[in-house]
Amino acid sequence: MAGHSKWANIKHKKKKKDRKRGKIFSKLSKKITSAARRGGGDLEYNSELRVWVEKAKDANMPKDNIERAIKKGTGELEGVSYTDFRYEGYGPGGVAYLLEGSTDNKNRTVSDIRYVFDKNGGNLGEDGCVAWMFHSQGIIAISEDNVDDIDELMMLVLEADAEDLEQEDGVVTVTTPPKQFAQVRTALKEAGYDDFMTDEITKVAENSLTPDLETVQRNMKLIDLLEDNDDIEDIYHNLELSDDVAEALDKEL
C-alpha cells in the first residue's frame, strides 16, 4: 500500500525526538488507558492492552504507572469519570487532523485544543470533516537492515494473516487488519524481529499531503503541542514526508 513506508519514517523521526523530550511514558500511558477502556483490564482477553503493556515493560515503565493507566481506562480510580471524544480539524498547509481521547471536563479540553490550533496556523472543523479520510490499520515497521531474507519474512507475515508487506526507503512495512495485529506482531517477535520502528494499531489516511519543509516543521510543532495535552490519546494526520524533507529532518535530529 503506497505511502506506508514514508508514513513509518515520520513516526520514527517523531519517536527519536520524543525520547529526547522524555515523552515516551506519557504516550504509553495514554495507549494503555485507551486499550483498557475499549476492551477491559484483563490482559488475557484484551490483546491490544497486552501489546501496549509489553511495550511499556520493554521501555522500563514502572509497574505502578502501568497499573494506574489500566485502572484509569477501566474506571477504577475513585472520583474520576471520563468521557471519550473525537475532534477533527486542519493544520498548516491544510493537513487533516483526527484527535481521539478522553476527558473529565469536555469544555476544558475542546477549549485547550482549539487554542493550540488557532495559535499554530490551524483550526478545528465540524464533525465528519476529515474522519472519512481515515481507516483503521495495524502497522509494523522494521528497518531493512534487520531483515536477512525478505521472501521468508513475507511468507511469515502472510501465514500470520497480515494484509501486505512493502519495502521502500530502507523500511519494511507490514500492514494488518486491526484484529490480526497482535498475532502478526507475536509471530514476528517469535521469529526474532523485535526491534520495531513502529508497531501499533492506528488510523491511516486514504490520501496524503507532502508539503514543504517549513510546513512540515509547523505541523510537527503542532503535533508536539497536542501531545502535551494529557486528554489526547491519539493524533492522526495525513502528513507525509517527501524525500528532501525527510533528509532535512534527519539533519535536525
C-alpha atoms as a PDB file:
ATOM      1  CA  MET A   1       0.000   0.000   0.000  1.00  0.00           C
ATOM      2  CA  ALA A   2       1.739   3.123  -1.239  1.00  0.00           C
ATOM      3  CA  GLY A   3       2.958   5.651   1.254  1.00  0.00           C
ATOM      4  CA  HIS A   4       3.168   3.483   4.370  1.00  0.00           C
ATOM      5  CA  SER A   5       6.979   3.429   4.439  1.00  0.00           C
ATOM      6  CA  LYS A   6       7.196   7.212   4.377  1.00  0.00           C
ATOM      7  CA  TRP A   7       4.451   7.284   6.985  1.00  0.00           C
ATOM      8  CA  ALA A   8       6.598   4.988   9.121  1.00  0.00           C
ATOM      9  CA  ASN A   9       9.579   7.287   8.622  1.00  0.00           C
ATOM     10  CA  ILE A  10       7.816  10.303  10.102  1.00  0.00           C
ATOM     11  CA  LYS A  11       6.685   8.164  13.037  1.00  0.00           C
ATOM     12  CA  HIS A  12      10.293   7.034  13.531  1.00  0.00           C
ATOM     13  CA  LYS A  13      11.609  10.599  13.468  1.00  0.00           C
ATOM     14  CA  LYS A  14       8.960  11.616  15.987  1.00  0.00           C
ATOM     15  CA  LYS A  15       9.904   8.667  18.187  1.00  0.00           C
ATOM     16  CA  LYS A  16      13.575   9.712  18.250  1.00  0.00           C
ATOM     17  CA  LYS A  17      12.584  13.258  19.132  1.00  0.00           C
ATOM     18  CA  ASP A  18      10.133  12.101  21.802  1.00  0.00           C
ATOM     19  CA  ARG A  19      12.804  10.076  23.540  1.00  0.00           C
ATOM     20  CA  LYS A  20      14.929  13.189  23.852  1.00  0.00           C
ATOM     21  CA  ARG A  21      11.997  15.063  25.363  1.00  0.00           C
ATOM     22  CA  GLY A  22      11.012  12.327  27.816  1.00  0.00           C
ATOM     23  CA  LYS A  23       7.520  11.778  26.392  1.00  0.00           C
ATOM     24  CA  ILE A  24       7.600   8.027  25.981  1.00  0.00           C
ATOM     25  CA  PHE A  25       5.967   7.107  29.329  1.00  0.00           C
ATOM     26  CA  SER A  26       3.194   9.631  28.824  1.00  0.00           C
ATOM     27  CA  LYS A  27       2.397   8.271  25.363  1.00  0.00           C
ATOM     28  CA  LEU A  28       2.429   4.667  26.590  1.00  0.00           C
ATOM     29  CA  SER A  29       0.119   5.538  29.492  1.00  0.00           C
ATOM     30  CA  LYS A  30      -2.405   7.033  27.091  1.00  0.00           C
ATOM     31  CA  LYS A  31      -2.294   3.974  24.866  1.00  0.00           C
ATOM     32  CA  ILE A  32      -2.743   1.586  27.814  1.00  0.00           C
ATOM     33  CA  THR A  33      -5.651   3.618  29.157  1.00  0.00           C
ATOM     34  CA  SER A  34      -7.331   3.743  25.773  1.00  0.00           C
ATOM     35  CA  ALA A  35      -6.936  -0.016  25.234  1.00  0.00           C
ATOM     36  CA  ALA A  36      -8.285  -0.806  28.710  1.00  0.00           C
ATOM     37  CA  ARG A  37     -11.298   1.429  28.119  1.00  0.00           C
ATOM     38  CA  ARG A  38     -12.144  -0.369  24.889  1.00  0.00           C
ATOM     39  CA  GLY A  39     -11.519  -3.958  25.913  1.00  0.00           C
ATOM     40  CA  GLY A  40     -11.244  -4.151  29.700  1.00  0.00           C
ATOM     41  CA  GLY A  41      -8.279  -4.618  32.003  1.00  0.00           C
ATOM     42  CA  ASP A  42      -7.671  -8.360  31.626  1.00  0.00           C
ATOM     43  CA  LEU A  43      -4.508  -8.927  29.585  1.00  0.00           C
ATOM     44  CA  GLU A  44      -5.565 -12.470  28.698  1.00  0.00           C
ATOM     45  CA  TYR A  45      -8.700 -11.311  26.898  1.00  0.00           C
ATOM     46  CA  ASN A  46      -7.595  -7.876  25.663  1.00  0.00           C
ATOM     47  CA  SER A  47      -4.862  -8.418  23.069  1.00  0.00           C
ATOM     48  CA  GLU A  48      -4.498  -4.698  22.339  1.00  0.00           C
ATOM     49  CA  LEU A  49      -3.876  -3.960  26.017  1.00  0.00           C
ATOM     50  CA  ARG A  50      -1.407  -6.853  26.223  1.00  0.00           C
ATOM     51  CA  VAL A  51       0.629  -5.385  23.361  1.00  0.00           C
ATOM     52  CA  TRP A  52       0.848  -1.953  24.975  1.00  0.00           C
ATOM     53  CA  VAL A  53       1.748  -3.359  28.401  1.00  0.00           C
ATOM     54  CA  GLU A  54       4.537  -5.384  26.741  1.00  0.00           C
ATOM     55  CA  LYS A  55       5.808  -2.228  25.064  1.00  0.00           C
ATOM     56  CA  ALA A  56       5.664  -0.339  28.389  1.00  0.00           C
ATOM     57  CA  LYS A  57       7.704  -3.053  30.080  1.00  0.00           C
ATOM     58  CA  ASP A  58      10.224  -3.009  27.219  1.00  0.00           C
ATOM     59  CA  ALA A  59      10.591   0.741  27.844  1.00  0.00           C
ATOM     60  CA  ASN A  60      11.165   0.085  31.591  1.00  0.00           C
ATOM     61  CA  MET A  61       7.981   1.887  32.568  1.00  0.00           C
ATOM     62  CA  PRO A  62       7.336   1.422  36.336  1.00  0.00           C
ATOM     63  CA  LYS A  63       4.743  -1.188  37.259  1.00  0.00           C
ATOM     64  CA  ASP A  64       2.727   1.357  39.278  1.00  0.00           C
ATOM     65  CA  ASN A  65       2.420   3.597  36.209  1.00  0.00           C
ATOM     66  CA  ILE A  66       1.136   0.692  34.129  1.00  0.00           C
ATOM     67  CA  GLU A  67      -1.422  -0.353  36.738  1.00  0.00           C
ATOM     68  CA  ARG A  68      -2.654   3.209  37.187  1.00  0.00           C
ATOM     69  CA  ALA A  69      -3.086   3.628  33.425  1.00  0.00           C
ATOM     70  CA  ILE A  70      -5.143   0.410  33.274  1.00  0.00           C
ATOM     71  CA  LYS A  71      -7.343   1.492  36.191  1.00  0.00           C
ATOM     72  CA  LYS A  72      -7.904   4.872  34.570  1.00  0.00           C
ATOM     73  CA  GLY A  73      -9.191   3.087  31.494  1.00  0.00           C
ATOM     74  CA  THR A  74     -11.443   0.665  33.388  1.00  0.00           C
ATOM     75  CA  GLY A  75     -12.882   3.403  35.624  1.00  0.00           C
ATOM     76  CA  GLU A  76     -11.427   2.014  38.860  1.00  0.00           C
ATOM     77  CA  LEU A  77      -9.929   5.335  40.000  1.00  0.00           C
ATOM     78  CA  GLU A  78     -12.277   6.797  42.611  1.00  0.00           C
ATOM     79  CA  GLY A  79     -13.845  10.156  41.917  1.00  0.00           C
ATOM     80  CA  VAL A  80     -12.793  10.233  38.264  1.00  0.00           C
ATOM     81  CA  SER A  81     -15.252   9.889  35.375  1.00  0.00           C
ATOM     82  CA  TYR A  82     -14.011  10.122  31.788  1.00  0.00           C
ATOM     83  CA  THR A  83     -15.870  10.801  28.547  1.00  0.00           C
ATOM     84  CA  ASP A  84     -14.468   9.790  25.160  1.00  0.00           C
ATOM     85  CA  PHE A  85     -14.116  12.455  22.475  1.00  0.00           C
ATOM     86  CA  ARG A  86     -13.130  12.888  18.851  1.00  0.00           C
ATOM     87  CA  TYR A  87     -12.210  16.220  17.278  1.00  0.00           C
ATOM     88  CA  GLU A  88     -11.308  16.998  13.688  1.00  0.00           C
ATOM     89  CA  GLY A  89      -9.531  19.898  12.082  1.00  0.00           C
ATOM     90  CA  TYR A  90      -6.809  21.215   9.823  1.00  0.00           C
ATOM     91  CA  GLY A  91      -3.204  22.192  10.453  1.00  0.00           C
ATOM     92  CA  PRO A  92      -0.823  24.403   8.465  1.00  0.00           C
ATOM     93  CA  GLY A  93      -0.987  23.721   4.742  1.00  0.00           C
ATOM     94  CA  GLY A  94      -4.374  22.021   5.012  1.00  0.00           C
ATOM     95  CA  VAL A  95      -3.061  18.883   6.760  1.00  0.00           C
ATOM     96  CA  ALA A  96      -6.028  16.904   8.128  1.00  0.00           C
ATOM     97  CA  TYR A  97      -6.127  16.004  11.836  1.00  0.00           C
ATOM     98  CA  LEU A  98      -8.257  13.499  13.738  1.00  0.00           C
ATOM     99  CA  LEU A  99      -7.862  13.577  17.531  1.00  0.00           C
ATOM    100  CA  GLU A 100      -9.218  10.952  19.935  1.00  0.00           C
ATOM    101  CA  GLY A 101      -9.023  10.690  23.695  1.00  0.00           C
ATOM    102  CA  SER A 102     -10.943  11.027  26.938  1.00  0.00           C
ATOM    103  CA  THR A 103     -11.527  13.796  29.455  1.00  0.00           C
ATOM    104  CA  ASP A 104     -13.174  14.568  32.781  1.00  0.00           C
ATOM    105  CA  ASN A 105     -14.011  18.077  31.514  1.00  0.00           C
ATOM    106  CA  LYS A 106     -15.002  18.265  27.848  1.00  0.00           C
ATOM    107  CA  ASN A 107     -15.366  22.077  27.833  1.00  0.00           C
ATOM    108  CA  ARG A 108     -11.801  22.494  29.082  1.00  0.00           C
ATOM    109  CA  THR A 109     -10.423  20.015  26.595  1.00  0.00           C
ATOM    110  CA  VAL A 110     -12.058  21.464  23.486  1.00  0.00           C
ATOM    111  CA  SER A 111     -11.061  24.963  24.585  1.00  0.00           C
ATOM    112  CA  ASP A 112      -7.425  23.898  25.034  1.00  0.00           C
ATOM    113  CA  ILE A 113      -7.350  22.092  21.698  1.00  0.00           C
ATOM    114  CA  ARG A 114      -8.956  24.985  19.852  1.00  0.00           C
ATOM    115  CA  TYR A 115      -6.389  27.378  21.353  1.00  0.00           C
ATOM    116  CA  VAL A 116      -3.465  25.218  20.175  1.00  0.00           C
ATOM    117  CA  PHE A 117      -4.856  25.008  16.644  1.00  0.00           C
ATOM    118  CA  ASP A 118      -5.654  28.726  16.443  1.00  0.00           C
ATOM    119  CA  LYS A 119      -2.202  29.772  17.682  1.00  0.00           C
ATOM    120  CA  ASN A 120      -0.344  27.456  15.312  1.00  0.00           C
ATOM    121  CA  GLY A 121      -1.895  28.049  11.909  1.00  0.00           C
ATOM    122  CA  GLY A 122      -4.759  25.555  12.102  1.00  0.00           C
ATOM    123  CA  ASN A 123      -8.411  25.355  13.017  1.00  0.00           C
ATOM    124  CA  LEU A 124     -10.940  22.882  14.388  1.00  0.00           C
ATOM    125  CA  GLY A 125     -13.582  21.733  11.925  1.00  0.00           C
ATOM    126  CA  GLU A 126     -17.070  20.287  12.019  1.00  0.00           C
ATOM    127  CA  ASP A 127     -17.720  16.655  12.957  1.00  0.00           C
ATOM    128  CA  GLY A 128     -17.057  14.451   9.947  1.00  0.00           C
ATOM    129  CA  CYS A 129     -14.955  16.945   8.033  1.00  0.00           C
ATOM    130  CA  VAL A 130     -11.869  14.685   7.921  1.00  0.00           C
ATOM    131  CA  ALA A 131     -12.820  11.401   9.641  1.00  0.00           C
ATOM    132  CA  TRP A 132     -13.895   9.914   6.318  1.00  0.00           C
ATOM    133  CA  MET A 133     -10.286  10.110   5.120  1.00  0.00           C
ATOM    134  CA  PHE A 134      -9.002   7.582   7.678  1.00  0.00           C
ATOM    135  CA  HIS A 135      -9.308   3.815   8.135  1.00  0.00           C
ATOM    136  CA  SER A 136      -8.033   1.583  10.941  1.00  0.00           C
ATOM    137  CA  GLN A 137      -4.862  -0.387  10.231  1.00  0.00           C
ATOM    138  CA  GLY A 138      -2.226  -2.379  12.046  1.00  0.00           C
ATOM    139  CA  ILE A 139       1.264  -1.135  11.139  1.00  0.00           C
ATOM    140  CA  ILE A 140       4.580  -2.806  11.950  1.00  0.00           C
ATOM    141  CA  ALA A 141       7.714  -1.211  10.506  1.00  0.00           C
ATOM    142  CA  ILE A 142      11.143  -2.858  10.560  1.00  0.00           C
ATOM    143  CA  SER A 143      14.462  -1.442   9.392  1.00  0.00           C
ATOM    144  CA  GLU A 144      15.599  -3.109   6.190  1.00  0.00           C
ATOM    145  CA  ASP A 145      18.985  -3.630   7.860  1.00  0.00           C
ATOM    146  CA  ASN A 146      17.381  -6.123  10.270  1.00  0.00           C
ATOM    147  CA  VAL A 147      15.870  -8.295   7.524  1.00  0.00           C
ATOM    148  CA  ASP A 148      18.039 -11.076   6.089  1.00  0.00           C
ATOM    149  CA  ASP A 149      15.513 -12.689   3.752  1.00  0.00           C
ATOM    150  CA  ILE A 150      12.589 -10.553   2.554  1.00  0.00           C
ATOM    151  CA  ASP A 151      10.830 -13.513   0.903  1.00  0.00           C
ATOM    152  CA  GLU A 152      10.992 -15.526   4.110  1.00  0.00           C
ATOM    153  CA  LEU A 153       9.616 -12.563   6.038  1.00  0.00           C
ATOM    154  CA  MET A 154       6.800 -12.152   3.511  1.00  0.00           C
ATOM    155  CA  MET A 155       5.796 -15.795   3.953  1.00  0.00           C
ATOM    156  CA  LEU A 156       5.939 -15.469   7.749  1.00  0.00           C
ATOM    157  CA  VAL A 157       3.605 -12.467   7.987  1.00  0.00           C
ATOM    158  CA  LEU A 158       1.134 -13.716   5.381  1.00  0.00           C
ATOM    159  CA  GLU A 159       0.828 -17.028   7.232  1.00  0.00           C
ATOM    160  CA  ALA A 160       0.034 -14.971  10.350  1.00  0.00           C
ATOM    161  CA  ASP A 161      -2.806 -13.237   8.414  1.00  0.00           C
ATOM    162  CA  ALA A 162      -1.101  -9.942   7.591  1.00  0.00           C
ATOM    163  CA  GLU A 163      -2.544  -7.946   4.688  1.00  0.00           C
ATOM    164  CA  ASP A 164       0.621  -6.897   2.912  1.00  0.00           C
ATOM    165  CA  LEU A 165       4.346  -6.216   3.134  1.00  0.00           C
ATOM    166  CA  GLU A 166       6.041  -3.254   1.463  1.00  0.00           C
ATOM    167  CA  GLN A 167       9.758  -2.480   1.136  1.00  0.00           C
ATOM    168  CA  GLU A 168      10.674   1.143   0.487  1.00  0.00           C
ATOM    169  CA  ASP A 169      13.273   3.733   1.533  1.00  0.00           C
ATOM    170  CA  GLY A 170      15.088   1.342   3.885  1.00  0.00           C
ATOM    171  CA  VAL A 171      11.894   0.360   5.728  1.00  0.00           C
ATOM    172  CA  VAL A 172       9.895  -2.872   5.582  1.00  0.00           C
ATOM    173  CA  THR A 173       6.285  -2.124   6.500  1.00  0.00           C
ATOM    174  CA  VAL A 174       3.823  -4.870   7.396  1.00  0.00           C
ATOM    175  CA  THR A 175       0.130  -3.958   7.332  1.00  0.00           C
ATOM    176  CA  THR A 176      -2.549  -5.969   9.126  1.00  0.00           C
ATOM    177  CA  PRO A 177      -6.270  -5.830   9.841  1.00  0.00           C
ATOM    178  CA  PRO A 178      -6.726  -4.483  13.406  1.00  0.00           C
ATOM    179  CA  LYS A 179      -7.952  -7.837  14.753  1.00  0.00           C
ATOM    180  CA  GLN A 180      -4.909  -9.689  13.390  1.00  0.00           C
ATOM    181  CA  PHE A 181      -2.332  -7.137  14.574  1.00  0.00           C
ATOM    182  CA  ALA A 182      -1.469  -8.882  17.864  1.00  0.00           C
ATOM    183  CA  GLN A 183      -0.929 -12.306  16.278  1.00  0.00           C
ATOM    184  CA  VAL A 184       1.224 -10.896  13.471  1.00  0.00           C
ATOM    185  CA  ARG A 185       3.291  -8.951  15.998  1.00  0.00           C
ATOM    186  CA  THR A 186       3.717 -12.081  18.127  1.00  0.00           C
ATOM    187  CA  ALA A 187       4.775 -14.132  15.102  1.00  0.00           C
ATOM    188  CA  LEU A 188       7.418 -11.527  14.242  1.00  0.00           C
ATOM    189  CA  LYS A 189       8.765 -11.393  17.794  1.00  0.00           C
ATOM    190  CA  GLU A 190       8.964 -15.175  17.998  1.00  0.00           C
ATOM    191  CA  ALA A 191      10.934 -15.147  14.743  1.00  0.00           C
ATOM    192  CA  GLY A 192      13.438 -12.675  16.220  1.00  0.00           C
ATOM    193  CA  TYR A 193      12.048  -9.445  14.800  1.00  0.00           C
ATOM    194  CA  ASP A 194      11.578  -7.403  17.974  1.00  0.00           C
ATOM    195  CA  ASP A 195      13.275  -4.081  17.205  1.00  0.00           C
ATOM    196  CA  PHE A 196      10.305  -2.367  15.589  1.00  0.00           C
ATOM    197  CA  MET A 197      10.491   1.193  14.294  1.00  0.00           C
ATOM    198  CA  THR A 198       6.708   1.371  14.672  1.00  0.00           C
ATOM    199  CA  ASP A 199       4.173  -1.192  15.885  1.00  0.00           C
ATOM    200  CA  GLU A 200       0.630  -0.127  16.621  1.00  0.00           C
ATOM    201  CA  ILE A 201      -2.983  -0.112  15.537  1.00  0.00           C
ATOM    202  CA  THR A 202      -3.587   3.293  14.074  1.00  0.00           C
ATOM    203  CA  LYS A 203      -5.684   5.146  11.532  1.00  0.00           C
ATOM    204  CA  VAL A 204      -4.152   5.698   8.106  1.00  0.00           C
ATOM    205  CA  ALA A 205      -5.202   8.427   5.684  1.00  0.00           C
ATOM    206  CA  GLU A 206      -6.502   7.403   2.266  1.00  0.00           C
ATOM    207  CA  ASN A 207      -4.791  10.443   0.714  1.00  0.00           C
ATOM    208  CA  SER A 208      -1.632  12.131   1.998  1.00  0.00           C
ATOM    209  CA  LEU A 209      -0.106  15.603   1.689  1.00  0.00           C
ATOM    210  CA  THR A 210       3.633  16.143   1.118  1.00  0.00           C
ATOM    211  CA  PRO A 211       4.217  19.828   1.921  1.00  0.00           C
ATOM    212  CA  ASP A 212       7.491  21.742   2.008  1.00  0.00           C
ATOM    213  CA  LEU A 213       9.926  21.668   4.928  1.00  0.00           C
ATOM    214  CA  GLU A 214       8.602  24.799   6.633  1.00  0.00           C
ATOM    215  CA  THR A 215       5.033  23.495   6.569  1.00  0.00           C
ATOM    216  CA  VAL A 216       6.149  20.095   7.880  1.00  0.00           C
ATOM    217  CA  GLN A 217       8.046  21.777  10.732  1.00  0.00           C
ATOM    218  CA  ARG A 218       4.984  23.848  11.632  1.00  0.00           C
ATOM    219  CA  ASN A 219       2.843  20.717  11.677  1.00  0.00           C
ATOM    220  CA  MET A 220       5.356  18.804  13.783  1.00  0.00           C
ATOM    221  CA  LYS A 221       5.321  21.690  16.268  1.00  0.00           C
ATOM    222  CA  LEU A 222       1.519  21.471  16.327  1.00  0.00           C
ATOM    223  CA  ILE A 223       1.708  17.710  16.928  1.00  0.00           C
ATOM    224  CA  ASP A 224       4.173  18.246  19.785  1.00  0.00           C
ATOM    225  CA  LEU A 225       1.840  20.739  21.467  1.00  0.00           C
ATOM    226  CA  LEU A 226      -1.179  18.478  21.030  1.00  0.00           C
ATOM    227  CA  GLU A 227       0.770  15.568  22.526  1.00  0.00           C
ATOM    228  CA  ASP A 228       1.396  17.717  25.603  1.00  0.00           C
ATOM    229  CA  ASN A 229      -2.360  17.602  26.292  1.00  0.00           C
ATOM    230  CA  ASP A 230      -2.918  14.652  28.642  1.00  0.00           C
ATOM    231  CA  ASP A 231      -6.501  14.204  27.431  1.00  0.00           C
ATOM    232  CA  ILE A 232      -5.462  13.413  23.847  1.00  0.00           C
ATOM    233  CA  GLU A 233      -4.567   9.760  23.363  1.00  0.00           C
ATOM    234  CA  ASP A 234      -4.250   9.501  19.578  1.00  0.00           C
ATOM    235  CA  ILE A 235      -3.346  12.050  16.904  1.00  0.00           C
ATOM    236  CA  TYR A 236      -3.921  11.005  13.300  1.00  0.00           C
ATOM    237  CA  HIS A 237      -2.980  13.120  10.291  1.00  0.00           C
ATOM    238  CA  ASN A 238      -2.332  12.828   6.570  1.00  0.00           C
ATOM    239  CA  LEU A 239       1.122  14.424   6.642  1.00  0.00           C
ATOM    240  CA  GLU A 240       3.742  12.569   4.583  1.00  0.00           C
ATOM    241  CA  LEU A 241       7.404  13.421   4.041  1.00  0.00           C
ATOM    242  CA  SER A 242       8.946  13.933   0.631  1.00  0.00           C
ATOM    243  CA  ASP A 243      12.499  12.623   0.245  1.00  0.00           C
ATOM    244  CA  ASP A 244      14.133  16.057   0.518  1.00  0.00           C
ATOM    245  CA  VAL A 245      12.109  16.999   3.599  1.00  0.00           C
ATOM    246  CA  ALA A 246      12.925  13.672   5.252  1.00  0.00           C
ATOM    247  CA  GLU A 247      16.634  14.285   4.609  1.00  0.00           C
ATOM    248  CA  ALA A 248      16.437  17.777   6.082  1.00  0.00           C
ATOM    249  CA  LEU A 249      14.692  16.494   9.209  1.00  0.00           C
ATOM    250  CA  ASP A 250      17.330  13.791   9.617  1.00  0.00           C
ATOM    251  CA  LYS A 251      19.971  16.519   9.833  1.00  0.00           C
ATOM    252  CA  GLU A 252      17.956  18.294  12.530  1.00  0.00           C
ATOM    253  CA  LEU A 253      17.655  15.140  14.628  1.00  0.00           C
END
